[in-house]
Amino acid sequence: MSQEDQERVRALGETPVSLPRHAVLHREGEAPRYIYLLVSGWVGASVLLHGGERQMVKFHLPGDMLGTPSMCLAQAADTLTALTAVTISRVPLEAFGALFASSSRFAAAMFLSAQRERVALMDRLAAVGRTPAIARVAALLLDVGERLHALGAASEEGFDMPLTQEQIGDHLGLTAVHVNRVFRQLAESGLVSRDRHRVVLLDAPRLRAMSARQPRVMTRDVAWLLSSEDA
């Protein structure tokens, strides 16, 4: 997107508000009226299973746009819950739609973002269905580390990951006890150091090999998606 479009996206939202940990932004089944710009903090997206349990489908980090999957539904697909104290800005769907209609670059960026999300979900489905627990945890740590590094919130000294073992387990299809066992195994193998919420990846290459993550290189060339007038 152009700098002008980026500024227009930031201006879409209402005045940012701060919410405490455990606050619910929207609940599964509600009529979607907004999407949300996450200014700070972590938010979890979860869905309710028939047995009454919740499956954590995504961890949202600062800069993420939340609630977009529900735009195509009459009822929200997931529940968005603050995993830490957060600052968010609500964006009415009408304002989002107006920008989508007026800027082909913004529309292209959102289309490609949706495809990246689709690839990420494909990889996660393959990982949960076909890899052992230690590979799933390794993949999650690498993914979070890379996303935080892009935000300037991770370095060689590690990063903060304010997730409980239960939340990690809900995301990866594991029990909290199993997650704890995997972290001990990673620490004993010299791969990861964890002190409360602080995580240090001591041997990222070995973690990558262990995780069986597909190497994905995202394209930045979107000329094919834009008309010659906009390119």
Protein backbone atom coordinates (compact mmCIF):
# COMPACT_ATOMS: atom_id res chain seq x y z
CA MET A 1 0.00 0.00 0.00
CA SER A 2 1.02 3.61 -0.48
CA GLN A 3 1.89 5.74 2.54
CA GLU A 4 -1.39 7.59 1.98
CA ASP A 5 -3.36 4.33 2.16
CA GLN A 6 -1.52 3.29 5.32
CA GLU A 7 -2.49 6.57 6.96
CA ARG A 8 -6.08 6.08 5.83
CA VAL A 9 -6.15 2.62 7.42
CA ARG A 10 -4.89 4.05 10.72
CA ALA A 11 -7.55 6.77 10.53
CA LEU A 12 -10.35 4.25 9.96
CA GLY A 13 -10.69 3.29 13.58
CA GLU A 14 -12.43 4.91 16.47
CA THR A 15 -10.39 6.39 19.32
CA PRO A 16 -8.23 3.55 20.74
CA VAL A 17 -9.39 2.14 24.07
CA SER A 18 -7.55 0.07 26.66
CA LEU A 19 -9.07 -3.19 27.88
CA PRO A 20 -7.95 -5.52 30.70
CA ARG A 21 -6.83 -9.11 30.35
CA HIS A 22 -9.75 -11.51 29.75
CA ALA A 23 -11.90 -8.77 28.17
CA VAL A 24 -14.02 -10.05 25.27
CA LEU A 25 -13.97 -7.96 22.09
CA HIS A 26 -16.73 -9.94 20.45
CA ARG A 27 -18.33 -13.31 21.00
CA GLU A 28 -18.88 -16.16 18.60
CA GLY A 29 -22.41 -15.99 17.22
CA GLU A 30 -22.87 -12.22 17.59
CA ALA A 31 -23.70 -10.12 14.55
CA PRO A 32 -20.38 -8.73 13.26
CA ARG A 33 -20.39 -4.92 13.20
CA TYR A 34 -16.70 -4.09 13.52
CA ILE A 35 -13.22 -5.25 12.78
CA TYR A 36 -10.48 -4.32 15.21
CA LEU A 37 -6.99 -2.85 14.91
CA LEU A 38 -4.79 -4.27 17.65
CA VAL A 39 -2.53 -1.46 18.84
CA SER A 40 -0.87 -3.29 21.74
CA GLY A 41 -1.16 -6.56 23.62
CA TRP A 42 -2.14 -10.11 22.64
CA VAL A 43 -5.60 -11.38 21.67
CA GLY A 44 -6.71 -14.97 21.23
CA ALA A 45 -9.28 -16.09 18.67
CA SER A 46 -11.18 -19.21 19.73
CA VAL A 47 -14.14 -21.32 18.64
CA LEU A 48 -16.49 -23.36 20.80
CA LEU A 49 -16.56 -27.11 20.14
CA HIS A 50 -19.62 -29.33 20.52
CA GLY A 51 -18.25 -30.86 23.71
CA GLY A 52 -18.07 -27.46 25.39
CA GLU A 53 -14.30 -27.09 24.99
CA ARG A 54 -12.63 -24.20 23.23
CA GLN A 55 -10.11 -24.45 20.42
CA MET A 56 -7.67 -21.55 20.19
CA VAL A 57 -7.35 -20.94 16.46
CA LYS A 58 -5.00 -17.94 16.42
CA PHE A 59 -2.88 -15.65 18.57
CA HIS A 60 -3.09 -12.02 17.42
CA LEU A 61 -0.14 -9.67 17.93
CA PRO A 62 0.11 -5.85 17.73
CA GLY A 63 -0.55 -4.57 14.23
CA ASP A 64 -2.99 -7.36 13.40
CA MET A 65 -6.46 -6.68 12.01
CA LEU A 66 -8.92 -8.79 13.99
CA GLY A 67 -12.37 -10.10 13.14
CA THR A 68 -12.02 -10.04 9.35
CA PRO A 69 -13.07 -13.71 8.82
CA SER A 70 -16.50 -12.89 10.26
CA MET A 71 -17.18 -10.22 7.63
CA CYS A 72 -18.55 -12.88 5.29
CA LEU A 73 -20.90 -14.33 7.94
CA ALA A 74 -24.19 -13.32 9.54
CA GLN A 75 -22.75 -14.37 12.92
CA ALA A 76 -19.19 -14.01 14.19
CA ALA A 77 -17.08 -17.10 13.58
CA ASP A 78 -14.96 -16.79 16.72
CA THR A 79 -14.60 -15.20 20.13
CA LEU A 80 -11.85 -12.60 20.51
CA THR A 81 -10.44 -12.48 24.05
CA ALA A 82 -7.66 -10.30 25.44
CA LEU A 83 -4.82 -12.57 26.62
CA THR A 84 -3.05 -9.55 28.10
CA ALA A 85 -4.06 -5.96 28.69
CA VAL A 86 -4.70 -4.58 25.20
CA THR A 87 -5.32 -1.37 23.31
CA ILE A 88 -7.69 -1.68 20.36
CA SER A 89 -9.41 0.54 17.85
CA ARG A 90 -12.79 -0.50 16.46
CA VAL A 91 -13.44 -0.02 12.75
CA PRO A 92 -17.09 0.00 11.59
CA LEU A 93 -17.57 -2.34 8.66
CA GLU A 94 -19.00 0.52 6.59
CA ALA A 95 -15.76 2.53 6.97
CA PHE A 96 -13.69 -0.50 6.04
CA GLY A 97 -15.85 -1.15 2.99
CA ALA A 98 -15.55 2.46 1.83
CA LEU A 99 -11.75 2.27 1.85
CA PHE A 100 -11.83 -1.12 0.14
CA ALA A 101 -13.94 0.36 -2.67
CA SER A 102 -11.87 3.52 -3.08
CA SER A 103 -8.33 2.08 -3.11
CA SER A 104 -7.27 -0.75 -5.41
CA ARG A 105 -3.93 -0.96 -3.57
CA PHE A 106 -5.68 -1.49 -0.25
CA ALA A 107 -7.95 -4.09 -1.83
CA ALA A 108 -4.91 -5.89 -3.28
CA ALA A 109 -3.12 -5.80 0.07
CA MET A 110 -6.14 -7.30 1.84
CA PHE A 111 -6.54 -9.99 -0.82
CA LEU A 112 -2.90 -11.04 -0.49
CA SER A 113 -3.14 -10.91 3.30
CA ALA A 114 -6.06 -13.33 3.13
CA GLN A 115 -3.99 -15.69 0.96
CA ARG A 116 -1.08 -15.55 3.40
CA GLU A 117 -3.50 -16.39 6.18
CA ARG A 118 -4.78 -19.32 4.13
CA VAL A 119 -1.24 -20.65 3.61
CA ALA A 120 -0.53 -20.31 7.34
CA LEU A 121 -3.68 -22.28 8.18
CA MET A 122 -2.78 -24.96 5.62
CA ASP A 123 0.65 -25.34 7.23
CA ARG A 124 -0.83 -25.44 10.72
CA LEU A 125 -3.40 -28.07 9.72
CA ALA A 126 -0.63 -30.22 8.28
CA ALA A 127 1.46 -29.74 11.41
CA VAL A 128 -1.31 -30.59 13.87
CA GLY A 129 -2.41 -33.59 11.86
CA ARG A 130 0.95 -35.07 10.93
CA THR A 131 3.69 -33.94 13.34
CA PRO A 132 4.58 -34.90 16.92
CA ALA A 133 4.04 -32.55 19.84
CA ILE A 134 7.62 -31.30 19.95
CA ALA A 135 7.44 -30.28 16.27
CA ARG A 136 4.20 -28.36 16.89
CA VAL A 137 5.66 -26.42 19.80
CA ALA A 138 8.85 -25.70 17.84
CA ALA A 139 6.81 -24.38 14.91
CA LEU A 140 4.77 -22.14 17.21
CA LEU A 141 7.88 -20.68 18.84
CA LEU A 142 9.46 -19.96 15.46
CA ASP A 143 6.27 -18.38 14.15
CA VAL A 144 5.81 -16.13 17.18
CA GLY A 145 9.50 -15.20 17.18
CA GLU A 146 9.40 -14.22 13.51
CA ARG A 147 6.22 -12.18 13.89
CA LEU A 148 7.58 -10.35 16.93
CA HIS A 149 10.93 -9.76 15.20
CA ALA A 150 9.07 -8.04 12.36
CA LEU A 151 7.55 -5.74 15.00
CA GLY A 152 10.93 -5.04 16.60
CA ALA A 153 9.83 -6.90 19.73
CA ALA A 154 12.27 -9.84 19.50
CA SER A 155 16.06 -10.13 19.37
CA GLU A 156 18.83 -12.63 20.04
CA GLU A 157 18.02 -12.09 23.72
CA GLY A 158 14.59 -13.58 23.11
CA PHE A 159 11.03 -12.35 23.30
CA ASP A 160 8.10 -12.25 25.68
CA MET A 161 5.36 -14.81 25.03
CA PRO A 162 2.60 -14.22 27.63
CA LEU A 163 0.77 -17.46 26.97
CA THR A 164 -0.13 -20.10 29.53
CA GLN A 165 0.64 -23.74 28.88
CA GLU A 166 -3.10 -24.36 28.69
CA GLN A 167 -3.52 -21.72 25.97
CA ILE A 168 -0.62 -23.19 23.99
CA GLY A 169 -2.17 -26.62 24.36
CA ASP A 170 -5.58 -25.37 23.23
CA HIS A 171 -3.90 -23.98 20.12
CA LEU A 172 -1.84 -27.05 19.30
CA GLY A 173 -4.23 -29.82 20.31
CA LEU A 174 -2.19 -30.82 23.38
CA THR A 175 -2.80 -30.96 27.11
CA ALA A 176 -1.10 -28.45 29.40
CA VAL A 177 0.85 -31.33 30.96
CA HIS A 178 2.12 -32.39 27.54
CA VAL A 179 3.14 -28.80 26.70
CA ASN A 180 5.11 -28.60 29.96
CA ARG A 181 6.84 -31.88 29.14
CA VAL A 182 7.79 -30.64 25.66
CA PHE A 183 9.27 -27.40 27.03
CA ARG A 184 11.38 -29.42 29.46
CA GLN A 185 12.58 -31.59 26.58
CA LEU A 186 13.47 -28.52 24.49
CA ALA A 187 15.36 -27.00 27.40
CA GLU A 188 17.24 -30.21 28.17
CA SER A 189 18.22 -30.46 24.49
CA GLY A 190 19.69 -26.95 24.53
CA LEU A 191 17.15 -25.65 22.01
CA VAL A 192 15.08 -23.26 24.09
CA SER A 193 15.39 -21.34 27.31
CA ARG A 194 12.21 -20.23 29.08
CA ASP A 195 11.93 -18.13 32.22
CA ARG A 196 8.29 -17.35 32.97
CA HIS A 197 7.13 -15.52 29.83
CA ARG A 198 10.62 -14.88 28.43
CA VAL A 199 11.64 -17.27 25.65
CA VAL A 200 15.08 -17.52 24.03
CA LEU A 201 15.57 -19.67 20.94
CA LEU A 202 19.05 -21.06 21.53
CA ASP A 203 19.31 -23.06 18.30
CA ALA A 204 16.87 -21.81 15.68
CA PRO A 205 18.28 -23.96 12.82
CA ARG A 206 17.69 -27.16 14.79
CA LEU A 207 14.24 -25.95 15.78
CA ARG A 208 13.41 -25.32 12.11
CA ALA A 209 14.57 -28.80 11.14
CA MET A 210 12.58 -30.29 14.00
CA SER A 211 9.43 -28.32 13.23
CA ALA A 212 9.21 -29.46 9.61
CA ARG A 213 7.92 -26.00 8.70
CA GLN A 214 7.64 -25.29 5.02
CA PRO A 215 10.01 -22.47 3.95
CA ARG A 216 7.69 -19.77 2.69
CA VAL A 217 8.96 -16.66 0.90
CA MET A 218 6.24 -14.02 0.58
CA THR A 219 6.17 -12.04 -2.64
CA ARG A 220 6.20 -8.26 -2.62
CA ASP A 221 5.57 -7.93 -6.35
CA VAL A 222 1.86 -7.21 -6.79
CA ALA A 223 2.04 -5.54 -10.20
CA TRP A 224 0.03 -8.42 -11.69
CA LEU A 225 -2.82 -7.62 -9.28
CA LEU A 226 -2.99 -3.91 -10.03
CA SER A 227 -3.94 -2.17 -13.21
CA SER A 228 -1.24 -0.31 -15.11
CA GLU A 229 -2.84 2.90 -13.91
CA ASP A 230 -2.30 1.93 -10.25
CA ALA A 231 1.00 -0.01 -10.52
